[in-house]
Amino acid sequence: MFVKDSPVTAAFAIAVAAILWGTTGTAASFAPNVSPLATGAFAMGVGGVLMVLRSIKHLLEDKALLMAQPKNLMLGGLSVAIYPLAFYSSMKLSGVAIGTVVSITSAPFFTVLLERLISKKLISLNWIISFIFGGVGVILLTIGKQTETTIHPIDKLHHWGICLGLIAGLAYAIYSWAARQMIENGVRSNSSMASMFAFAAILLLPSLWFTADNLFTGAINISVAVYMATVPMFIGYLFFGYGLKHIHASTATMITLLEPAVATLFAIIIVGEQFHFIGWIGMIFISICLARQVKKIPSSQRQTTNAVY
């Protein structure tokens, strides 16, 4: 799929994944009568089935390595299943703005904690500064998108939504970290992602029995469901898995802060959403965050390195 294996190419692959993920909000807007839980379960579940079919040969070859680290596999697969349910529920309870900010910005923080506490990797000053720029950027970006109709009242459900957003961010961090751990232990990147998503598919697809009202009613709803499963999930996570071969999970999740910026641009251009000036400042902050991360990648982000940049 890629011309040359390198940390820079890997960073580009992560950015492509983030761009593809950034289209999900716009795509879902064309099927407003479909439950977001059904959309997430179908996309992750079917995407997982496609990954297994695509990687079946490598999965069989890596079977022994995968079975040798069941904790990483099961923890990663469970996190893949939890992520869409927690993420979409967070947006429903706390509003799209708050749910997005909490889920997206907490993921890099949780990832670097996992790498520091469990993998014993060091946290550099550059990563901390980049995280501050990225976090502030996402917050400003979200404020720029807010209107009176997107502001959610502060109540008990709102607080539960924030908790679910943190769970979504933690789940994202765990499966990114687990995939990286399996790769460092000799598993191919496509095998690591396919095995986790296969585990998640077993858990997610049965939930469609309860949530899939309107999912397959009409050509538009079907098209949205198929697009979400094949492009953002299947193709997007192939790029993401490749990227994890050469850069740390904490750096990968930091680069995916590009996702809300892409989602905003699509919402403005295609959906016609309003956007305030402060949001553009947020995009500048996110750009600075990404530039700082990519600038540090070429010199050191190899599998043998023990520092987080």
Protein backbone atom coordinates (compact mmCIF):
# COMPACT_ATOMS: atom_id res chain seq x y z
CA MET A 1 0.00 0.00 0.00
CA PHE A 2 2.88 2.35 0.77
CA VAL A 3 5.97 3.15 -1.29
CA LYS A 4 8.51 3.26 1.52
CA ASP A 5 8.33 2.20 5.15
CA SER A 6 9.45 5.08 7.36
CA PRO A 7 8.25 7.06 10.38
CA VAL A 8 7.34 10.00 8.13
CA THR A 9 5.28 7.77 5.85
CA ALA A 10 3.66 6.29 8.94
CA ALA A 11 2.72 9.76 10.20
CA PHE A 12 1.20 10.51 6.80
CA ALA A 13 -0.80 7.27 7.02
CA ILE A 14 -2.14 8.26 10.45
CA ALA A 15 -3.14 11.65 9.02
CA VAL A 16 -4.98 9.94 6.14
CA ALA A 17 -6.84 7.79 8.69
CA ALA A 18 -7.81 10.93 10.64
CA ILE A 19 -9.08 12.57 7.45
CA LEU A 20 -11.22 9.54 6.64
CA TRP A 21 -12.58 9.44 10.20
CA GLY A 22 -13.34 13.14 9.90
CA THR A 23 -15.93 12.39 7.21
CA THR A 24 -18.13 10.29 9.51
CA GLY A 25 -20.08 13.18 11.01
CA THR A 26 -20.98 14.59 7.61
CA ALA A 27 -21.89 11.14 6.29
CA ALA A 28 -24.10 10.43 9.31
CA SER A 29 -25.91 13.75 8.80
CA PHE A 30 -27.46 12.30 5.64
CA ALA A 31 -29.17 9.60 7.75
CA PRO A 32 -30.56 11.56 10.73
CA ASN A 33 -33.26 8.98 11.51
CA VAL A 34 -30.68 6.24 12.21
CA SER A 35 -29.50 5.70 15.79
CA PRO A 36 -25.84 6.72 16.22
CA LEU A 37 -25.38 3.55 18.28
CA ALA A 38 -26.51 1.47 15.31
CA THR A 39 -24.23 3.42 12.99
CA GLY A 40 -21.23 2.90 15.27
CA ALA A 41 -21.94 -0.79 15.89
CA PHE A 42 -22.48 -1.52 12.19
CA ALA A 43 -19.42 0.45 11.08
CA MET A 44 -17.07 -1.10 13.63
CA GLY A 45 -18.59 -4.59 13.34
CA VAL A 46 -18.68 -4.85 9.56
CA GLY A 47 -15.33 -3.05 9.32
CA GLY A 48 -13.92 -5.76 11.58
CA VAL A 49 -15.31 -8.53 9.38
CA LEU A 50 -13.74 -6.90 6.31
CA MET A 51 -10.39 -6.65 8.11
CA VAL A 52 -10.50 -10.35 8.97
CA LEU A 53 -11.29 -11.30 5.37
CA ARG A 54 -8.51 -9.09 4.09
CA SER A 55 -5.94 -10.34 6.64
CA ILE A 56 -6.94 -13.99 6.99
CA LYS A 57 -3.58 -15.30 5.72
CA HIS A 58 -1.55 -13.15 8.09
CA LEU A 59 -3.92 -13.91 10.98
CA LEU A 60 -3.28 -17.63 10.52
CA GLU A 61 0.47 -17.06 10.30
CA ASP A 62 0.44 -14.85 13.41
CA LYS A 63 -1.93 -17.10 15.37
CA ALA A 64 0.74 -18.32 17.77
CA LEU A 65 1.98 -14.79 18.48
CA LEU A 66 -1.58 -13.55 19.05
CA MET A 67 -2.41 -16.43 21.39
CA ALA A 68 0.78 -15.73 23.32
CA GLN A 69 -0.54 -12.31 24.35
CA PRO A 70 -4.26 -12.84 25.09
CA LYS A 71 -4.45 -9.88 27.47
CA ASN A 72 -3.46 -7.40 24.74
CA LEU A 73 -5.85 -9.01 22.27
CA MET A 74 -8.85 -9.17 24.59
CA LEU A 75 -8.25 -5.77 26.17
CA GLY A 76 -7.82 -4.18 22.75
CA GLY A 77 -10.86 -5.91 21.27
CA LEU A 78 -13.07 -4.99 24.22
CA SER A 79 -11.91 -1.37 23.93
CA VAL A 80 -12.74 -1.30 20.21
CA ALA A 81 -16.26 -2.44 21.07
CA ILE A 82 -16.69 0.06 23.91
CA TYR A 83 -15.38 3.08 21.99
CA PRO A 84 -18.28 3.77 19.57
CA LEU A 85 -20.94 3.08 22.20
CA ALA A 86 -19.31 5.42 24.73
CA PHE A 87 -18.44 8.08 22.15
CA TYR A 88 -21.90 8.38 20.60
CA SER A 89 -23.64 8.11 23.98
CA SER A 90 -21.42 10.90 25.30
CA MET A 91 -22.47 13.19 22.45
CA LYS A 92 -26.13 12.33 23.01
CA LEU A 93 -26.03 13.13 26.76
CA SER A 94 -23.63 16.08 26.82
CA GLY A 95 -24.07 17.45 23.32
CA VAL A 96 -21.90 16.98 20.26
CA ALA A 97 -19.49 19.76 21.25
CA ILE A 98 -18.65 18.59 24.78
CA GLY A 99 -18.70 14.91 23.83
CA THR A 100 -16.23 15.49 21.00
CA VAL A 101 -13.84 17.62 23.06
CA VAL A 102 -13.70 15.21 26.00
CA SER A 103 -13.36 12.06 23.87
CA ILE A 104 -10.84 13.34 21.32
CA THR A 105 -8.57 15.35 23.61
CA SER A 106 -8.42 12.79 26.42
CA ALA A 107 -7.21 9.97 24.14
CA PRO A 108 -3.59 11.20 23.66
CA PHE A 109 -3.35 11.91 27.40
CA PHE A 110 -4.50 8.41 28.34
CA THR A 111 -2.22 6.87 25.70
CA VAL A 112 0.91 8.57 26.97
CA LEU A 113 0.01 7.49 30.52
CA LEU A 114 -0.19 3.87 29.35
CA GLU A 115 3.15 4.16 27.58
CA ARG A 116 4.78 5.77 30.59
CA LEU A 117 3.30 3.61 33.37
CA ILE A 118 3.25 0.23 31.61
CA SER A 119 5.71 0.43 28.70
CA LYS A 120 8.11 2.68 30.68
CA LYS A 121 8.59 5.10 27.78
CA LEU A 122 9.69 8.64 28.53
CA ILE A 123 7.52 11.71 27.96
CA SER A 124 9.31 14.53 26.22
CA LEU A 125 8.73 18.25 26.70
CA ASN A 126 7.89 18.49 22.99
CA TRP A 127 5.00 16.01 23.42
CA ILE A 128 3.62 17.96 26.40
CA ILE A 129 3.77 21.28 24.53
CA SER A 130 2.19 19.69 21.45
CA PHE A 131 -0.59 18.22 23.59
CA ILE A 132 -1.34 21.65 25.09
CA PHE A 133 -1.54 23.24 21.63
CA GLY A 134 -3.70 20.38 20.34
CA GLY A 135 -6.05 20.32 23.33
CA VAL A 136 -6.59 24.08 23.28
CA GLY A 137 -7.06 23.91 19.51
CA VAL A 138 -9.82 21.30 19.75
CA ILE A 139 -11.58 23.32 22.47
CA LEU A 140 -11.46 26.53 20.41
CA LEU A 141 -12.54 24.60 17.33
CA THR A 142 -15.55 23.26 19.19
CA ILE A 143 -16.48 26.69 20.55
CA GLY A 144 -16.34 27.98 16.98
CA LYS A 145 -18.94 25.40 15.97
CA GLN A 146 -21.31 26.04 18.88
CA THR A 147 -24.65 27.72 18.39
CA GLU A 148 -27.53 28.14 20.80
CA THR A 149 -28.92 24.79 19.66
CA THR A 150 -25.71 22.89 20.32
CA ILE A 151 -25.22 24.08 23.88
CA HIS A 152 -26.41 21.37 26.23
CA PRO A 153 -27.90 22.19 29.65
CA ILE A 154 -25.83 21.33 32.69
CA ASP A 155 -27.59 18.47 34.50
CA LYS A 156 -26.88 14.97 35.77
CA LEU A 157 -27.12 13.50 32.28
CA HIS A 158 -24.56 16.06 31.12
CA HIS A 159 -22.10 14.86 33.76
CA TRP A 160 -22.71 11.24 32.79
CA GLY A 161 -22.00 12.25 29.20
CA ILE A 162 -18.64 13.70 30.22
CA CYS A 163 -17.82 10.45 32.04
CA LEU A 164 -18.70 8.47 28.92
CA GLY A 165 -16.51 10.81 26.86
CA LEU A 166 -13.59 10.00 29.15
CA ILE A 167 -14.37 6.29 28.79
CA ALA A 168 -14.36 6.71 24.99
CA GLY A 169 -10.99 8.47 25.12
CA LEU A 170 -9.58 5.76 27.39
CA ALA A 171 -10.94 3.00 25.13
CA TYR A 172 -9.35 4.66 22.08
CA ALA A 173 -6.06 4.94 23.95
CA ILE A 174 -6.15 1.31 25.13
CA TYR A 175 -6.76 -0.26 21.72
CA SER A 176 -4.13 1.98 20.12
CA TRP A 177 -1.65 1.01 22.83
CA ALA A 178 -2.62 -2.70 22.63
CA ALA A 179 -2.16 -2.73 18.86
CA ARG A 180 1.27 -1.14 19.22
CA GLN A 181 2.23 -3.68 21.91
CA MET A 182 1.28 -6.59 19.64
CA ILE A 183 3.24 -5.07 16.77
CA GLU A 184 6.31 -4.64 19.00
CA ASN A 185 5.95 -8.31 19.94
CA GLY A 186 6.16 -9.43 16.31
CA VAL A 187 2.54 -9.39 15.12
CA ARG A 188 1.91 -7.82 11.71
CA SER A 189 0.05 -4.50 11.87
CA ASN A 190 -2.92 -5.74 9.83
CA SER A 191 -3.16 -8.86 12.00
CA SER A 192 -3.17 -6.83 15.21
CA MET A 193 -5.98 -4.55 14.01
CA ALA A 194 -7.98 -7.37 12.41
CA SER A 195 -7.82 -9.56 15.53
CA MET A 196 -9.05 -6.76 17.80
CA PHE A 197 -11.82 -5.72 15.42
CA ALA A 198 -12.90 -9.34 14.98
CA PHE A 199 -13.26 -9.61 18.76
CA ALA A 200 -15.23 -6.35 18.78
CA ALA A 201 -17.45 -7.45 15.89
CA ILE A 202 -18.58 -10.50 17.87
CA LEU A 203 -19.72 -8.12 20.63
CA LEU A 204 -21.11 -5.28 18.50
CA LEU A 205 -23.04 -6.91 15.65
CA PRO A 206 -25.65 -8.60 17.89
CA SER A 207 -26.53 -5.17 19.35
CA LEU A 208 -27.98 -4.22 15.96
CA TRP A 209 -30.97 -6.42 16.80
CA PHE A 210 -31.99 -3.70 19.28
CA THR A 211 -30.64 -0.51 17.67
CA ALA A 212 -30.86 -0.97 13.89
CA ASP A 213 -34.28 0.65 13.30
CA ASN A 214 -34.14 2.53 9.96
CA LEU A 215 -30.53 1.47 9.32
CA PHE A 216 -31.52 -0.39 6.15
CA THR A 217 -34.61 1.60 5.16
CA GLY A 218 -33.95 3.54 1.99
CA ALA A 219 -30.99 3.83 -0.36
CA ILE A 220 -29.47 6.79 1.49
CA ASN A 221 -29.39 5.07 4.89
CA ILE A 222 -27.92 1.92 3.35
CA SER A 223 -25.31 3.94 1.46
CA VAL A 224 -24.28 5.78 4.61
CA ALA A 225 -23.98 2.52 6.57
CA VAL A 226 -21.89 0.85 3.85
CA TYR A 227 -19.68 3.94 3.48
CA MET A 228 -19.06 4.16 7.23
CA ALA A 229 -18.06 0.49 7.42
CA THR A 230 -15.83 0.40 4.34
CA VAL A 231 -14.11 3.78 4.15
CA PRO A 232 -13.59 5.33 7.63
CA MET A 233 -13.49 2.01 9.47
CA PHE A 234 -11.97 -0.58 7.13
CA ILE A 235 -9.67 1.60 5.01
CA GLY A 236 -9.06 4.13 7.79
CA TYR A 237 -7.89 1.52 10.27
CA LEU A 238 -5.66 -0.14 7.68
CA PHE A 239 -3.82 3.19 7.45
CA PHE A 240 -3.86 3.58 11.24
CA GLY A 241 -2.49 0.07 11.78
CA TYR A 242 0.30 0.70 9.30
CA GLY A 243 1.21 3.93 11.06
CA LEU A 244 1.53 2.14 14.41
CA LYS A 245 4.31 -0.01 12.93
CA HIS A 246 6.71 2.94 13.04
CA ILE A 247 5.51 5.50 15.58
CA HIS A 248 4.33 5.30 19.17
CA ALA A 249 0.64 5.10 20.00
CA SER A 250 0.83 8.41 21.88
CA THR A 251 2.16 10.17 18.80
CA ALA A 252 -0.43 8.46 16.59
CA THR A 253 -3.34 9.55 18.78
CA MET A 254 -1.90 13.07 18.88
CA ILE A 255 -1.86 13.22 15.06
CA THR A 256 -5.50 12.11 15.00
CA LEU A 257 -6.41 15.46 16.61
CA LEU A 258 -6.59 16.38 12.94
CA GLU A 259 -9.92 14.53 12.82
CA PRO A 260 -12.16 17.23 14.38
CA ALA A 261 -10.59 19.88 12.15
CA VAL A 262 -11.37 17.83 9.05
CA ALA A 263 -14.87 17.11 10.34
CA THR A 264 -15.44 20.83 10.82
CA LEU A 265 -14.30 21.69 7.29
CA PHE A 266 -16.61 19.07 5.80
CA ALA A 267 -19.50 20.33 7.94
CA ILE A 268 -18.93 23.89 6.74
CA ILE A 269 -18.44 23.06 3.05
CA ILE A 270 -20.99 20.26 2.59
CA VAL A 271 -23.55 20.58 5.38
CA GLY A 272 -23.43 24.38 5.53
CA GLU A 273 -22.84 24.69 9.28
CA GLN A 274 -21.93 28.09 10.70
CA PHE A 275 -18.45 28.64 12.05
CA HIS A 276 -17.09 31.47 14.17
CA PHE A 277 -13.68 33.13 13.93
CA ILE A 278 -12.39 31.60 17.16
CA GLY A 279 -12.71 28.20 15.54
CA TRP A 280 -10.16 29.15 12.89
CA ILE A 281 -7.73 30.06 15.68
CA GLY A 282 -8.32 26.55 17.02
CA MET A 283 -7.34 25.10 13.64
CA ILE A 284 -4.10 27.08 13.78
CA PHE A 285 -3.34 25.62 17.22
CA ILE A 286 -4.03 22.10 15.96
CA SER A 287 -1.74 22.75 12.97
CA ILE A 288 1.06 23.84 15.32
CA CYS A 289 0.54 20.69 17.38
CA LEU A 290 0.80 18.46 14.31
CA ALA A 291 3.80 20.34 12.92
CA ARG A 292 5.70 19.91 16.22
CA GLN A 293 4.97 16.18 16.27
CA VAL A 294 5.86 15.48 12.64
CA LYS A 295 9.05 17.55 12.88
CA LYS A 296 10.39 15.25 15.63
CA ILE A 297 9.44 11.96 13.99
CA PRO A 298 12.19 11.40 11.35
CA SER A 299 15.13 11.30 13.75
CA SER A 300 13.90 8.86 16.33
CA GLN A 301 10.50 7.18 16.08
CA ARG A 302 11.67 3.64 15.43
CA GLN A 303 10.37 0.54 17.13
CA THR A 304 13.56 0.29 19.18
CA THR A 305 13.33 3.78 20.66
CA ASN A 306 12.15 4.18 24.25
CA ALA A 307 11.02 7.81 24.22
CA VAL A 308 7.72 9.39 23.36
CA TYR A 309 7.97 12.36 21.07
